[in-house]
Amino acid sequence: MGRFIYDSTATSVEIDDRTLAHLRIVVMNKLRRSESFMFDAEMGDGSGRRSFWMHPSVPMQFHFYGGRNPRINRHWVEAMMLAASGPHGLHILPEPPADDTPERG
């Protein structure tokens, strides 16, 4: 289980490492383009949901507990990128089947 840590208030959400790796890619790409967006997350402790305004000026951390980088499912990243750009913002979506076709380089 990893942890997404937001702002200096140390508000955090536990997210499994595989999901967190995909979330990190989406957030990194959106903020690199200076695109702010809303991220909704279940707190996981029964306290409900939180909405985070994701902006390049807000400090955040992605804390991974595992030592191995997971294989990235580009379909999952693309689906979450679309959600982040939509009217309801980013939320964790179920992982779609991976396309095992090797990428051409």
PDB file of N, CA and C in Angstrom:
ATOM      1  N   MET A   1       0.826  -1.175   0.000  1.00  0.00           N
ATOM      2  CA  MET A   1       0.000   0.000   0.000  1.00  0.00           C
ATOM      3  C   MET A   1       0.872   1.241   0.000  1.00  0.00           C
ATOM      4  N   GLY A   2       0.656   2.113  -0.955  1.00  0.00           N
ATOM      5  CA  GLY A   2       1.383   3.368  -1.019  1.00  0.00           C
ATOM      6  C   GLY A   2       0.561   4.480  -0.402  1.00  0.00           C
ATOM      7  N   ARG A   3       1.048   5.689  -0.529  1.00  0.00           N
ATOM      8  CA  ARG A   3       0.363   6.828   0.072  1.00  0.00           C
ATOM      9  C   ARG A   3       0.540   8.048  -0.815  1.00  0.00           C
ATOM     10  N   PHE A   4      -0.571   8.735  -1.101  1.00  0.00           N
ATOM     11  CA  PHE A   4      -0.564  10.027  -1.787  1.00  0.00           C
ATOM     12  C   PHE A   4      -0.659  11.075  -0.697  1.00  0.00           C
ATOM     13  N   ILE A   5       0.339  11.952  -0.614  1.00  0.00           N
ATOM     14  CA  ILE A   5       0.394  12.976   0.436  1.00  0.00           C
ATOM     15  C   ILE A   5       0.241  14.334  -0.234  1.00  0.00           C
ATOM     16  N   TYR A   6      -0.722  15.124   0.251  1.00  0.00           N
ATOM     17  CA  TYR A   6      -1.092  16.386  -0.377  1.00  0.00           C
ATOM     18  C   TYR A   6      -0.854  17.557   0.548  1.00  0.00           C
ATOM     19  N   ASP A   7      -0.152  18.561   0.075  1.00  0.00           N
ATOM     20  CA  ASP A   7       0.033  19.846   0.747  1.00  0.00           C
ATOM     21  C   ASP A   7       0.824  19.690   2.044  1.00  0.00           C
ATOM     22  N   SER A   8       1.090  20.791   2.680  1.00  0.00           N
ATOM     23  CA  SER A   8       1.857  20.792   3.923  1.00  0.00           C
ATOM     24  C   SER A   8       1.031  20.314   5.112  1.00  0.00           C
ATOM     25  N   THR A   9      -0.272  20.144   4.922  1.00  0.00           N
ATOM     26  CA  THR A   9      -1.122  19.650   6.010  1.00  0.00           C
ATOM     27  C   THR A   9      -0.943  18.157   6.204  1.00  0.00           C
ATOM     28  N   ALA A  10      -0.200  17.525   5.304  1.00  0.00           N
ATOM     29  CA  ALA A  10       0.072  16.082   5.341  1.00  0.00           C
ATOM     30  C   ALA A  10      -1.207  15.256   5.230  1.00  0.00           C
ATOM     31  N   THR A  11      -2.225  15.797   4.565  1.00  0.00           N
ATOM     32  CA  THR A  11      -3.399  15.000   4.262  1.00  0.00           C
ATOM     33  C   THR A  11      -2.960  13.902   3.322  1.00  0.00           C
ATOM     34  N   SER A  12      -3.338  12.675   3.636  1.00  0.00           N
ATOM     35  CA  SER A  12      -2.881  11.578   2.799  1.00  0.00           C
ATOM     36  C   SER A  12      -3.983  10.561   2.561  1.00  0.00           C
ATOM     37  N   VAL A  13      -3.804   9.815   1.479  1.00  0.00           N
ATOM     38  CA  VAL A  13      -4.742   8.773   1.086  1.00  0.00           C
ATOM     39  C   VAL A  13      -3.920   7.522   0.798  1.00  0.00           C
ATOM     40  N   GLU A  14      -4.325   6.387   1.365  1.00  0.00           N
ATOM     41  CA  GLU A  14      -3.652   5.133   1.061  1.00  0.00           C
ATOM     42  C   GLU A  14      -4.168   4.586  -0.261  1.00  0.00           C
ATOM     43  N   ILE A  15      -3.233   4.248  -1.142  1.00  0.00           N
ATOM     44  CA  ILE A  15      -3.551   3.729  -2.469  1.00  0.00           C
ATOM     45  C   ILE A  15      -2.526   2.640  -2.763  1.00  0.00           C
ATOM     46  N   ASP A  16      -2.973   1.512  -3.313  1.00  0.00           N
ATOM     47  CA  ASP A  16      -1.995   0.460  -3.583  1.00  0.00           C
ATOM     48  C   ASP A  16      -0.950   0.955  -4.588  1.00  0.00           C
ATOM     49  N   ASP A  17       0.245   0.393  -4.471  1.00  0.00           N
ATOM     50  CA  ASP A  17       1.387   0.878  -5.253  1.00  0.00           C
ATOM     51  C   ASP A  17       1.132   0.866  -6.760  1.00  0.00           C
ATOM     52  N   ARG A  18       0.479  -0.167  -7.274  1.00  0.00           N
ATOM     53  CA  ARG A  18       0.236  -0.256  -8.719  1.00  0.00           C
ATOM     54  C   ARG A  18      -0.654   0.897  -9.181  1.00  0.00           C
ATOM     55  N   THR A  19      -1.726   1.135  -8.462  1.00  0.00           N
ATOM     56  CA  THR A  19      -2.634   2.228  -8.794  1.00  0.00           C
ATOM     57  C   THR A  19      -1.921   3.563  -8.634  1.00  0.00           C
ATOM     58  N   LEU A  20      -1.151   3.702  -7.562  1.00  0.00           N
ATOM     59  CA  LEU A  20      -0.428   4.946  -7.293  1.00  0.00           C
ATOM     60  C   LEU A  20       0.569   5.270  -8.407  1.00  0.00           C
ATOM     61  N   ALA A  21       1.214   4.256  -8.965  1.00  0.00           N
ATOM     62  CA  ALA A  21       2.159   4.483 -10.067  1.00  0.00           C
ATOM     63  C   ALA A  21       1.449   5.071 -11.281  1.00  0.00           C
ATOM     64  N   HIS A  22       0.249   4.582 -11.566  1.00  0.00           N
ATOM     65  CA  HIS A  22      -0.524   5.104 -12.701  1.00  0.00           C
ATOM     66  C   HIS A  22      -1.038   6.517 -12.399  1.00  0.00           C
ATOM     67  N   LEU A  23      -1.498   6.716 -11.178  1.00  0.00           N
ATOM     68  CA  LEU A  23      -1.966   8.036 -10.755  1.00  0.00           C
ATOM     69  C   LEU A  23      -0.840   9.064 -10.862  1.00  0.00           C
ATOM     70  N   ARG A  24       0.366   8.693 -10.462  1.00  0.00           N
ATOM     71  CA  ARG A  24       1.513   9.592 -10.524  1.00  0.00           C
ATOM     72  C   ARG A  24       1.783  10.043 -11.959  1.00  0.00           C
ATOM     73  N   ILE A  25       1.692   9.136 -12.902  1.00  0.00           N
ATOM     74  CA  ILE A  25       1.924   9.482 -14.306  1.00  0.00           C
ATOM     75  C   ILE A  25       0.893  10.494 -14.785  1.00  0.00           C
ATOM     76  N   VAL A  26      -0.371  10.263 -14.432  1.00  0.00           N
ATOM     77  CA  VAL A  26      -1.440  11.180 -14.850  1.00  0.00           C
ATOM     78  C   VAL A  26      -1.217  12.561 -14.247  1.00  0.00           C
ATOM     79  N   VAL A  27      -0.980  12.616 -12.938  1.00  0.00           N
ATOM     80  CA  VAL A  27      -0.776  13.903 -12.262  1.00  0.00           C
ATOM     81  C   VAL A  27       0.445  14.615 -12.838  1.00  0.00           C
ATOM     82  N   MET A  28       1.545  13.892 -13.002  1.00  0.00           N
ATOM     83  CA  MET A  28       2.771  14.477 -13.535  1.00  0.00           C
ATOM     84  C   MET A  28       2.529  15.086 -14.919  1.00  0.00           C
ATOM     85  N   ASN A  29       1.832  14.359 -15.782  1.00  0.00           N
ATOM     86  CA  ASN A  29       1.589  14.864 -17.135  1.00  0.00           C
ATOM     87  C   ASN A  29       0.670  16.078 -17.142  1.00  0.00           C
ATOM     88  N   LYS A  30      -0.384  16.056 -16.340  1.00  0.00           N
ATOM     89  CA  LYS A  30      -1.306  17.202 -16.288  1.00  0.00           C
ATOM     90  C   LYS A  30      -0.599  18.447 -15.743  1.00  0.00           C
ATOM     91  N   LEU A  31       0.136  18.287 -14.651  1.00  0.00           N
ATOM     92  CA  LEU A  31       0.781  19.449 -14.034  1.00  0.00           C
ATOM     93  C   LEU A  31       1.957  19.943 -14.861  1.00  0.00           C
ATOM     94  N   ARG A  32       2.630  19.056 -15.553  1.00  0.00           N
ATOM     95  CA  ARG A  32       3.727  19.469 -16.437  1.00  0.00           C
ATOM     96  C   ARG A  32       3.213  20.407 -17.526  1.00  0.00           C
ATOM     97  N   ARG A  33       1.953  20.206 -17.926  1.00  0.00           N
ATOM     98  CA  ARG A  33       1.314  21.056 -18.936  1.00  0.00           C
ATOM     99  C   ARG A  33       0.633  22.275 -18.317  1.00  0.00           C
ATOM    100  N   SER A  34       0.811  22.454 -17.013  1.00  0.00           N
ATOM    101  CA  SER A  34       0.162  23.537 -16.253  1.00  0.00           C
ATOM    102  C   SER A  34      -1.355  23.445 -16.306  1.00  0.00           C
ATOM    103  N   GLU A  35      -1.866  22.222 -16.301  1.00  0.00           N
ATOM    104  CA  GLU A  35      -3.310  21.985 -16.298  1.00  0.00           C
ATOM    105  C   GLU A  35      -3.740  21.582 -14.892  1.00  0.00           C
ATOM    106  N   SER A  36      -4.414  22.475 -14.203  1.00  0.00           N
ATOM    107  CA  SER A  36      -4.957  22.165 -12.886  1.00  0.00           C
ATOM    108  C   SER A  36      -6.222  21.346 -13.061  1.00  0.00           C
ATOM    109  N   PHE A  37      -6.555  20.540 -12.040  1.00  0.00           N
ATOM    110  CA  PHE A  37      -7.738  19.690 -12.130  1.00  0.00           C
ATOM    111  C   PHE A  37      -8.115  19.207 -10.735  1.00  0.00           C
ATOM    112  N   MET A  38      -9.308  18.624 -10.615  1.00  0.00           N
ATOM    113  CA  MET A  38      -9.800  18.081  -9.363  1.00  0.00           C
ATOM    114  C   MET A  38      -9.500  16.588  -9.310  1.00  0.00           C
ATOM    115  N   PHE A  39      -9.096  16.111  -8.140  1.00  0.00           N
ATOM    116  CA  PHE A  39      -8.875  14.682  -7.904  1.00  0.00           C
ATOM    117  C   PHE A  39      -9.737  14.271  -6.724  1.00  0.00           C
ATOM    118  N   ASP A  40     -10.656  13.345  -6.936  1.00  0.00           N
ATOM    119  CA  ASP A  40     -11.516  12.812  -5.879  1.00  0.00           C
ATOM    120  C   ASP A  40     -11.000  11.448  -5.457  1.00  0.00           C
ATOM    121  N   ALA A  41     -10.900  11.234  -4.148  1.00  0.00           N
ATOM    122  CA  ALA A  41     -10.387   9.962  -3.642  1.00  0.00           C
ATOM    123  C   ALA A  41     -11.191   9.507  -2.436  1.00  0.00           C
ATOM    124  N   GLU A  42     -11.415   8.195  -2.376  1.00  0.00           N
ATOM    125  CA  GLU A  42     -11.994   7.578  -1.178  1.00  0.00           C
ATOM    126  C   GLU A  42     -10.896   7.556  -0.126  1.00  0.00           C
ATOM    127  N   MET A  43     -11.211   7.957   1.085  1.00  0.00           N
ATOM    128  CA  MET A  43     -10.188   8.029   2.115  1.00  0.00           C
ATOM    129  C   MET A  43      -9.749   6.645   2.595  1.00  0.00           C
ATOM    130  N   GLY A  44     -10.563   5.635   2.403  1.00  0.00           N
ATOM    131  CA  GLY A  44     -10.169   4.277   2.750  1.00  0.00           C
ATOM    132  C   GLY A  44     -10.296   3.938   4.222  1.00  0.00           C
ATOM    133  N   ASP A  45     -10.590   4.914   5.056  1.00  0.00           N
ATOM    134  CA  ASP A  45     -10.726   4.653   6.496  1.00  0.00           C
ATOM    135  C   ASP A  45     -12.175   4.811   6.952  1.00  0.00           C
ATOM    136  N   GLY A  46     -13.088   4.854   5.976  1.00  0.00           N
ATOM    137  CA  GLY A  46     -14.497   4.999   6.301  1.00  0.00           C
ATOM    138  C   GLY A  46     -14.935   6.432   6.516  1.00  0.00           C
ATOM    139  N   SER A  47     -14.046   7.389   6.317  1.00  0.00           N
ATOM    140  CA  SER A  47     -14.392   8.799   6.562  1.00  0.00           C
ATOM    141  C   SER A  47     -14.913   9.501   5.310  1.00  0.00           C
ATOM    142  N   GLY A  48     -15.168   8.743   4.249  1.00  0.00           N
ATOM    143  CA  GLY A  48     -15.765   9.335   3.049  1.00  0.00           C
ATOM    144  C   GLY A  48     -14.760   9.667   1.971  1.00  0.00           C
ATOM    145  N   ARG A  49     -15.116  10.677   1.187  1.00  0.00           N
ATOM    146  CA  ARG A  49     -14.297  11.102   0.054  1.00  0.00           C
ATOM    147  C   ARG A  49     -13.679  12.460   0.335  1.00  0.00           C
ATOM    148  N   ARG A  50     -12.581  12.716  -0.346  1.00  0.00           N
ATOM    149  CA  ARG A  50     -11.973  14.042  -0.325  1.00  0.00           C
ATOM    150  C   ARG A  50     -11.730  14.467  -1.753  1.00  0.00           C
ATOM    151  N   SER A  51     -11.852  15.758  -1.992  1.00  0.00           N
ATOM    152  CA  SER A  51     -11.532  16.341  -3.289  1.00  0.00           C
ATOM    153  C   SER A  51     -10.293  17.209  -3.121  1.00  0.00           C
ATOM    154  N   PHE A  52      -9.317  16.993  -3.984  1.00  0.00           N
ATOM    155  CA  PHE A  52      -8.066  17.737  -3.945  1.00  0.00           C
ATOM    156  C   PHE A  52      -7.955  18.563  -5.216  1.00  0.00           C
ATOM    157  N   TRP A  53      -7.678  19.860  -5.072  1.00  0.00           N
ATOM    158  CA  TRP A  53      -7.433  20.698  -6.240  1.00  0.00           C
ATOM    159  C   TRP A  53      -5.953  20.552  -6.580  1.00  0.00           C
ATOM    160  N   MET A  54      -5.689  19.946  -7.719  1.00  0.00           N
ATOM    161  CA  MET A  54      -4.326  19.645  -8.136  1.00  0.00           C
ATOM    162  C   MET A  54      -3.788  20.829  -8.941  1.00  0.00           C
ATOM    163  N   HIS A  55      -2.749  21.446  -8.416  1.00  0.00           N
ATOM    164  CA  HIS A  55      -2.157  22.633  -9.021  1.00  0.00           C
ATOM    165  C   HIS A  55      -0.642  22.531  -8.855  1.00  0.00           C
ATOM    166  N   PRO A  56       0.135  23.018  -9.833  1.00  0.00           N
ATOM    167  CA  PRO A  56       1.593  22.906  -9.737  1.00  0.00           C
ATOM    168  C   PRO A  56       2.204  23.548  -8.497  1.00  0.00           C
ATOM    169  N   SER A  57       1.533  24.505  -7.885  1.00  0.00           N
ATOM    170  CA  SER A  57       2.113  25.185  -6.723  1.00  0.00           C
ATOM    171  C   SER A  57       1.871  24.437  -5.409  1.00  0.00           C
ATOM    172  N   VAL A  58       1.069  23.383  -5.430  1.00  0.00           N
ATOM    173  CA  VAL A  58       0.769  22.640  -4.206  1.00  0.00           C
ATOM    174  C   VAL A  58       1.750  21.477  -4.064  1.00  0.00           C
ATOM    175  N   PRO A  59       2.477  21.405  -2.945  1.00  0.00           N
ATOM    176  CA  PRO A  59       3.398  20.289  -2.766  1.00  0.00           C
ATOM    177  C   PRO A  59       2.643  18.975  -2.580  1.00  0.00           C
ATOM    178  N   MET A  60       3.129  17.937  -3.217  1.00  0.00           N
ATOM    179  CA  MET A  60       2.530  16.616  -3.064  1.00  0.00           C
ATOM    180  C   MET A  60       3.611  15.567  -3.199  1.00  0.00           C
ATOM    181  N   GLN A  61       3.335  14.403  -2.593  1.00  0.00           N
ATOM    182  CA  GLN A  61       4.276  13.295  -2.636  1.00  0.00           C
ATOM    183  C   GLN A  61       3.539  12.018  -2.998  1.00  0.00           C
ATOM    184  N   PHE A  62       4.256  11.116  -3.642  1.00  0.00           N
ATOM    185  CA  PHE A  62       3.759   9.786  -3.940  1.00  0.00           C
ATOM    186  C   PHE A  62       4.715   8.832  -3.234  1.00  0.00           C
ATOM    187  N   HIS A  63       4.269   8.244  -2.145  1.00  0.00           N
ATOM    188  CA  HIS A  63       5.131   7.388  -1.320  1.00  0.00           C
ATOM    189  C   HIS A  63       4.802   5.931  -1.627  1.00  0.00           C
ATOM    190  N   PHE A  64       5.766   5.230  -2.208  1.00  0.00           N
ATOM    191  CA  PHE A  64       5.595   3.828  -2.558  1.00  0.00           C
ATOM    192  C   PHE A  64       6.245   2.965  -1.491  1.00  0.00           C
ATOM    193  N   TYR A  65       5.548   1.931  -1.043  1.00  0.00           N
ATOM    194  CA  TYR A  65       6.101   1.027  -0.040  1.00  0.00           C
ATOM    195  C   TYR A  65       6.869  -0.121  -0.685  1.00  0.00           C
ATOM    196  N   GLY A  66       6.485  -0.500  -1.892  1.00  0.00           N
ATOM    197  CA  GLY A  66       7.193  -1.570  -2.589  1.00  0.00           C
ATOM    198  C   GLY A  66       8.425  -1.042  -3.281  1.00  0.00           C
ATOM    199  N   GLY A  67       9.373  -1.932  -3.559  1.00  0.00           N
ATOM    200  CA  GLY A  67      10.610  -1.517  -4.190  1.00  0.00           C
ATOM    201  C   GLY A  67      10.646  -1.726  -5.691  1.00  0.00           C
ATOM    202  N   ARG A  68       9.627  -2.356  -6.246  1.00  0.00           N
ATOM    203  CA  ARG A  68       9.623  -2.653  -7.676  1.00  0.00           C
ATOM    204  C   ARG A  68       8.652  -1.745  -8.412  1.00  0.00           C
ATOM    205  N   ASN A  69       9.088  -1.287  -9.594  1.00  0.00           N
ATOM    206  CA  ASN A  69       8.203  -0.482 -10.428  1.00  0.00           C
ATOM    207  C   ASN A  69       7.240  -1.419 -11.165  1.00  0.00           C
ATOM    208  N   PRO A  70       5.933  -1.152 -11.075  1.00  0.00           N
ATOM    209  CA  PRO A  70       4.988  -2.014 -11.774  1.00  0.00           C
ATOM    210  C   PRO A  70       4.994  -1.749 -13.278  1.00  0.00           C
ATOM    211  N   ARG A  71       4.564  -2.738 -14.037  1.00  0.00           N
ATOM    212  CA  ARG A  71       4.398  -2.546 -15.474  1.00  0.00           C
ATOM    213  C   ARG A  71       3.227  -1.586 -15.671  1.00  0.00           C
ATOM    214  N   ILE A  72       3.409  -0.616 -16.541  1.00  0.00           N
ATOM    215  CA  ILE A  72       2.382   0.415 -16.745  1.00  0.00           C
ATOM    216  C   ILE A  72       1.414  -0.015 -17.841  1.00  0.00           C
ATOM    217  N   ASN A  73       0.136   0.115 -17.537  1.00  0.00           N
ATOM    218  CA  ASN A  73      -0.944  -0.168 -18.487  1.00  0.00           C
ATOM    219  C   ASN A  73      -1.330   1.170 -19.124  1.00  0.00           C
ATOM    220  N   ARG A  74      -0.910   1.383 -20.352  1.00  0.00           N
ATOM    221  CA  ARG A  74      -1.144   2.680 -20.998  1.00  0.00           C
ATOM    222  C   ARG A  74      -2.629   2.963 -21.182  1.00  0.00           C
ATOM    223  N   HIS A  75      -3.458   1.914 -21.298  1.00  0.00           N
ATOM    224  CA  HIS A  75      -4.901   2.121 -21.426  1.00  0.00           C
ATOM    225  C   HIS A  75      -5.490   2.711 -20.144  1.00  0.00           C
ATOM    226  N   TRP A  76      -4.946   2.297 -19.018  1.00  0.00           N
ATOM    227  CA  TRP A  76      -5.394   2.817 -17.730  1.00  0.00           C
ATOM    228  C   TRP A  76      -4.977   4.280 -17.589  1.00  0.00           C
ATOM    229  N   VAL A  77      -3.752   4.591 -17.965  1.00  0.00           N
ATOM    230  CA  VAL A  77      -3.270   5.979 -17.919  1.00  0.00           C
ATOM    231  C   VAL A  77      -4.133   6.852 -18.819  1.00  0.00           C
ATOM    232  N   GLU A  78      -4.406   6.400 -20.035  1.00  0.00           N
ATOM    233  CA  GLU A  78      -5.226   7.176 -20.975  1.00  0.00           C
ATOM    234  C   GLU A  78      -6.638   7.397 -20.434  1.00  0.00           C
ATOM    235  N   ALA A  79      -7.228   6.369 -19.824  1.00  0.00           N
ATOM    236  CA  ALA A  79      -8.577   6.510 -19.263  1.00  0.00           C
ATOM    237  C   ALA A  79      -8.599   7.526 -18.127  1.00  0.00           C
ATOM    238  N   MET A  80      -7.579   7.489 -17.279  1.00  0.00           N
ATOM    239  CA  MET A  80      -7.538   8.452 -16.171  1.00  0.00           C
ATOM    240  C   MET A  80      -7.206   9.860 -16.667  1.00  0.00           C
ATOM    241  N   MET A  81      -6.402   9.979 -17.725  1.00  0.00           N
ATOM    242  CA  MET A  81      -6.134  11.300 -18.315  1.00  0.00           C
ATOM    243  C   MET A  81      -7.432  11.911 -18.843  1.00  0.00           C
ATOM    244  N   LEU A  82      -8.252  11.095 -19.501  1.00  0.00           N
ATOM    245  CA  LEU A  82      -9.550  11.589 -19.997  1.00  0.00           C
ATOM    246  C   LEU A  82     -10.438  12.026 -18.841  1.00  0.00           C
ATOM    247  N   ALA A  83     -10.472  11.233 -17.784  1.00  0.00           N
ATOM    248  CA  ALA A  83     -11.285  11.583 -16.616  1.00  0.00           C
ATOM    249  C   ALA A  83     -10.804  12.897 -15.998  1.00  0.00           C
ATOM    250  N   ALA A  84      -9.484  13.069 -15.878  1.00  0.00           N
ATOM    251  CA  ALA A  84      -8.926  14.288 -15.280  1.00  0.00           C
ATOM    252  C   ALA A  84      -9.286  15.528 -16.092  1.00  0.00           C
ATOM    253  N   SER A  85      -9.455  15.361 -17.390  1.00  0.00           N
ATOM    254  CA  SER A  85      -9.809  16.487 -18.262  1.00  0.00           C
ATOM    255  C   SER A  85     -11.317  16.703 -18.358  1.00  0.00           C
ATOM    256  N   GLY A  86     -12.082  15.804 -17.786  1.00  0.00           N
ATOM    257  CA  GLY A  86     -13.539  15.889 -17.873  1.00  0.00           C
ATOM    258  C   GLY A  86     -14.151  16.739 -16.773  1.00  0.00           C
ATOM    259  N   PRO A  87     -15.463  16.907 -16.815  1.00  0.00           N
ATOM    260  CA  PRO A  87     -16.152  17.782 -15.876  1.00  0.00           C
ATOM    261  C   PRO A  87     -16.160  17.278 -14.427  1.00  0.00           C
ATOM    262  N   HIS A  88     -15.945  15.991 -14.208  1.00  0.00           N
ATOM    263  CA  HIS A  88     -15.964  15.443 -12.846  1.00  0.00           C
ATOM    264  C   HIS A  88     -14.573  15.249 -12.260  1.00  0.00           C
ATOM    265  N   GLY A  89     -13.550  15.488 -13.062  1.00  0.00           N
ATOM    266  CA  GLY A  89     -12.186  15.389 -12.579  1.00  0.00           C
ATOM    267  C   GLY A  89     -11.687  13.955 -12.489  1.00  0.00           C
ATOM    268  N   LEU A  90     -10.478  13.835 -11.975  1.00  0.00           N
ATOM    269  CA  LEU A  90      -9.810  12.547 -11.859  1.00  0.00           C
ATOM    270  C   LEU A  90     -10.343  11.764 -10.675  1.00  0.00           C
ATOM    271  N   HIS A  91     -10.573  10.505 -10.892  1.00  0.00           N
ATOM    272  CA  HIS A  91     -10.875   9.558  -9.827  1.00  0.00           C
ATOM    273  C   HIS A  91     -10.271   8.225 -10.251  1.00  0.00           C
ATOM    274  N   ILE A  92     -10.068   7.356  -9.310  1.00  0.00           N
ATOM    275  CA  ILE A  92      -9.429   6.084  -9.625  1.00  0.00           C
ATOM    276  C   ILE A  92     -10.442   5.184 -10.310  1.00  0.00           C
ATOM    277  N   LEU A  93     -10.104   4.796 -11.519  1.00  0.00           N
ATOM    278  CA  LEU A  93     -10.958   3.944 -12.334  1.00  0.00           C
ATOM    279  C   LEU A  93     -10.470   2.501 -12.244  1.00  0.00           C
ATOM    280  N   PRO A  94     -11.363   1.540 -12.506  1.00  0.00           N
ATOM    281  CA  PRO A  94     -10.900   0.147 -12.564  1.00  0.00           C
ATOM    282  C   PRO A  94      -9.900  -0.017 -13.709  1.00  0.00           C
ATOM    283  N   GLU A  95      -8.935  -0.873 -13.506  1.00  0.00           N
ATOM    284  CA  GLU A  95      -7.925  -1.083 -14.541  1.00  0.00           C
ATOM    285  C   GLU A  95      -8.504  -1.862 -15.712  1.00  0.00           C
ATOM    286  N   PRO A  96      -8.390  -1.307 -16.929  1.00  0.00           N
ATOM    287  CA  PRO A  96      -8.848  -2.032 -18.114  1.00  0.00           C
ATOM    288  C   PRO A  96      -7.821  -3.099 -18.504  1.00  0.00           C
ATOM    289  N   PRO A  97      -8.218  -4.035 -19.357  1.00  0.00           N
ATOM    290  CA  PRO A  97      -7.241  -5.036 -19.815  1.00  0.00           C
ATOM    291  C   PRO A  97      -6.058  -4.346 -20.502  1.00  0.00           C
ATOM    292  N   ALA A  98      -4.886  -4.887 -20.277  1.00  0.00           N
ATOM    293  CA  ALA A  98      -3.676  -4.326 -20.883  1.00  0.00           C
ATOM    294  C   ALA A  98      -3.539  -4.819 -22.323  1.00  0.00           C
ATOM    295  N   ASP A  99      -2.989  -3.979 -23.134  1.00  0.00           N
ATOM    296  CA  ASP A  99      -2.645  -4.368 -24.499  1.00  0.00           C
ATOM    297  C   ASP A  99      -1.215  -4.877 -24.452  1.00  0.00           C
ATOM    298  N   ASP A 100      -1.027  -6.167 -24.649  1.00  0.00           N
ATOM    299  CA  ASP A 100       0.298  -6.753 -24.534  1.00  0.00           C
ATOM    300  C   ASP A 100       1.141  -6.639 -25.784  1.00  0.00           C
ATOM    301  N   THR A 101       0.670  -5.848 -26.762  1.00  0.00           N
ATOM    302  CA  THR A 101       1.437  -5.637 -27.984  1.00  0.00           C
ATOM    303  C   THR A 101       2.664  -4.796 -27.645  1.00  0.00           C
ATOM    304  N   PRO A 102       3.855  -5.255 -28.022  1.00  0.00           N
ATOM    305  CA  PRO A 102       5.054  -4.451 -27.732  1.00  0.00           C
ATOM    306  C   PRO A 102       5.002  -3.097 -28.438  1.00  0.00           C
ATOM    307  N   GLU A 103       5.467  -2.081 -27.719  1.00  0.00           N
ATOM    308  CA  GLU A 103       5.510  -0.741 -28.329  1.00  0.00           C
ATOM    309  C   GLU A 103       6.689  -0.666 -29.283  1.00  0.00           C
ATOM    310  N   ARG A 104       6.481   0.030 -30.388  1.00  0.00           N
ATOM    311  CA  ARG A 104       7.563   0.236 -31.356  1.00  0.00           C
ATOM    312  C   ARG A 104       8.363   1.452 -30.960  1.00  0.00           C
ATOM    313  N   GLY A 105       9.662   1.351 -31.068  1.00  0.00           N
ATOM    314  CA  GLY A 105      10.489   2.462 -30.631  1.00  0.00           C
ATOM    315  C   GLY A 105      11.233   3.075 -31.678  1.00  0.00           C
TER     316      GLY A 105
END
